C-alpha cells in the first residue's frame, strides 16, 4: 500500500507542515484517492476506471470505460 520507506533511512524532520507533507508523499495519488473516497463514503472504483481509461486509452478498452460510467 505504501512505498515502504524505511524510517531509519529517511527521518521525518522539519515543521509540522513539512512532516505531514513527507508522510503524505509515501502514498501514491491513486491510493490516497481511494482511501479518502472510502473514508468519505464515495464509490471510488468507477471513478478510478474512468480516470485510467482517459489517461491510458491504448491500455484500457472502451468497454471497461462504458461499464464504469
C-alpha atoms as a PDB file:
ATOM      1  CA  UNK A   1       0.000   0.000   0.000  1.00  0.00           C
ATOM      2  CA  UNK A   2       2.868   2.387   0.678  1.00  0.00           C
ATOM      3  CA  UNK A   3       6.300   2.708  -0.819  1.00  0.00           C
ATOM      4  CA  UNK A   4       7.832   1.014   2.206  1.00  0.00           C
ATOM      5  CA  UNK A   5      10.038   3.902   3.187  1.00  0.00           C
ATOM      6  CA  UNK A   6      12.408   2.724   5.971  1.00  0.00           C
ATOM      7  CA  UNK A   7      12.156   5.103   8.933  1.00  0.00           C
ATOM      8  CA  UNK A   8      15.848   4.838   9.820  1.00  0.00           C
ATOM      9  CA  UNK A   9      16.970   5.825   6.319  1.00  0.00           C
ATOM     10  CA  UNK A  10      14.522   8.712   5.865  1.00  0.00           C
ATOM     11  CA  UNK A  11      13.734  10.527   9.107  1.00  0.00           C
ATOM     12  CA  UNK A  12      10.677  12.780   9.119  1.00  0.00           C
ATOM     13  CA  UNK A  13      12.008  16.214  10.070  1.00  0.00           C
ATOM     14  CA  UNK A  14      11.061  19.852   9.804  1.00  0.00           C
ATOM     15  CA  UNK A  15       7.958  21.849  10.648  1.00  0.00           C
ATOM     16  CA  UNK A  16       4.610  20.173  11.255  1.00  0.00           C
ATOM     17  CA  UNK A  17       3.522  21.059   7.729  1.00  0.00           C
ATOM     18  CA  UNK A  18       6.742  19.655   6.292  1.00  0.00           C
ATOM     19  CA  UNK A  19       6.394  16.413   8.264  1.00  0.00           C
ATOM     20  CA  UNK A  20       2.767  15.977   7.107  1.00  0.00           C
ATOM     21  CA  UNK A  21       3.868  16.522   3.511  1.00  0.00           C
ATOM     22  CA  UNK A  22       6.676  13.976   3.857  1.00  0.00           C
ATOM     23  CA  UNK A  23       4.305  11.374   5.286  1.00  0.00           C
ATOM     24  CA  UNK A  24       1.715  12.111   2.602  1.00  0.00           C
ATOM     25  CA  UNK A  25       4.308  11.632  -0.118  1.00  0.00           C
ATOM     26  CA  UNK A  26       4.695   7.990   0.944  1.00  0.00           C
ATOM     27  CA  UNK A  27       1.377   7.062  -0.720  1.00  0.00           C
ATOM     28  CA  UNK A  28       0.684   7.259  -4.441  1.00  0.00           C
ATOM     29  CA  UNK A  29      -2.070   9.681  -5.502  1.00  0.00           C
ATOM     30  CA  UNK A  30      -4.322   6.813  -6.623  1.00  0.00           C
ATOM     31  CA  UNK A  31      -4.017   5.016  -3.282  1.00  0.00           C
ATOM     32  CA  UNK A  32      -4.610   8.260  -1.399  1.00  0.00           C
ATOM     33  CA  UNK A  33      -7.711   8.993  -3.502  1.00  0.00           C
ATOM     34  CA  UNK A  34      -9.094   5.512  -2.856  1.00  0.00           C
ATOM     35  CA  UNK A  35      -8.518   5.825   0.894  1.00  0.00           C
ATOM     36  CA  UNK A  36     -10.191   9.241   1.060  1.00  0.00           C
ATOM     37  CA  UNK A  37     -13.126   8.017  -1.024  1.00  0.00           C
ATOM     38  CA  UNK A  38     -13.679   5.093   1.355  1.00  0.00           C
ATOM     39  CA  UNK A  39     -13.456   7.414   4.362  1.00  0.00           C
ATOM     40  CA  UNK A  40     -15.968   9.801   2.764  1.00  0.00           C
ATOM     41  CA  UNK A  41     -18.286   7.021   1.615  1.00  0.00           C
ATOM     42  CA  UNK A  42     -17.789   7.668  -2.104  1.00  0.00           C
ATOM     43  CA  UNK A  43     -17.850   4.812  -4.610  1.00  0.00           C
ATOM     44  CA  UNK A  44     -14.320   5.170  -5.946  1.00  0.00           C
ATOM     45  CA  UNK A  45     -13.734   2.251  -8.309  1.00  0.00           C
ATOM     46  CA  UNK A  46     -15.829   3.547 -11.252  1.00  0.00           C
ATOM     47  CA  UNK A  47     -14.070   6.906 -10.990  1.00  0.00           C
ATOM     48  CA  UNK A  48     -10.679   5.207 -10.975  1.00  0.00           C
ATOM     49  CA  UNK A  49     -11.530   3.072 -14.008  1.00  0.00           C
ATOM     50  CA  UNK A  50     -12.802   6.138 -15.902  1.00  0.00           C
ATOM     51  CA  UNK A  51      -9.680   8.119 -14.983  1.00  0.00           C
ATOM     52  CA  UNK A  52      -7.332   5.344 -16.096  1.00  0.00           C
ATOM     53  CA  UNK A  53      -9.259   4.870 -19.344  1.00  0.00           C
ATOM     54  CA  UNK A  54      -8.955   8.583 -20.084  1.00  0.00           C
ATOM     55  CA  UNK A  55      -5.244   8.688 -19.239  1.00  0.00           C
ATOM     56  CA  UNK A  56      -4.288   5.416 -20.926  1.00  0.00           C
ATOM     57  CA  UNK A  57      -6.802   4.743 -23.720  1.00  0.00           C
ATOM     58  CA  UNK A  58      -4.420   2.380 -25.514  1.00  0.00           C
ATOM     59  CA  UNK A  59      -4.359   0.089 -22.439  1.00  0.00           C
ATOM     60  CA  UNK A  60      -7.924   0.274 -21.135  1.00  0.00           C
ATOM     61  CA  UNK A  61     -10.554  -0.690 -23.662  1.00  0.00           C
ATOM     62  CA  UNK A  62     -13.681   1.382 -24.216  1.00  0.00           C
ATOM     63  CA  UNK A  63     -15.842  -1.445 -22.847  1.00  0.00           C
ATOM     64  CA  UNK A  64     -14.346  -1.029 -19.382  1.00  0.00           C
ATOM     65  CA  UNK A  65     -14.838   2.744 -19.625  1.00  0.00           C
ATOM     66  CA  UNK A  66     -18.507   2.336 -20.576  1.00  0.00           C
ATOM     67  CA  UNK A  67     -19.102  -0.071 -17.672  1.00  0.00           C
ATOM     68  CA  UNK A  68     -17.749   2.436 -15.163  1.00  0.00           C
ATOM     69  CA  UNK A  69     -19.922   5.312 -16.380  1.00  0.00           C
END
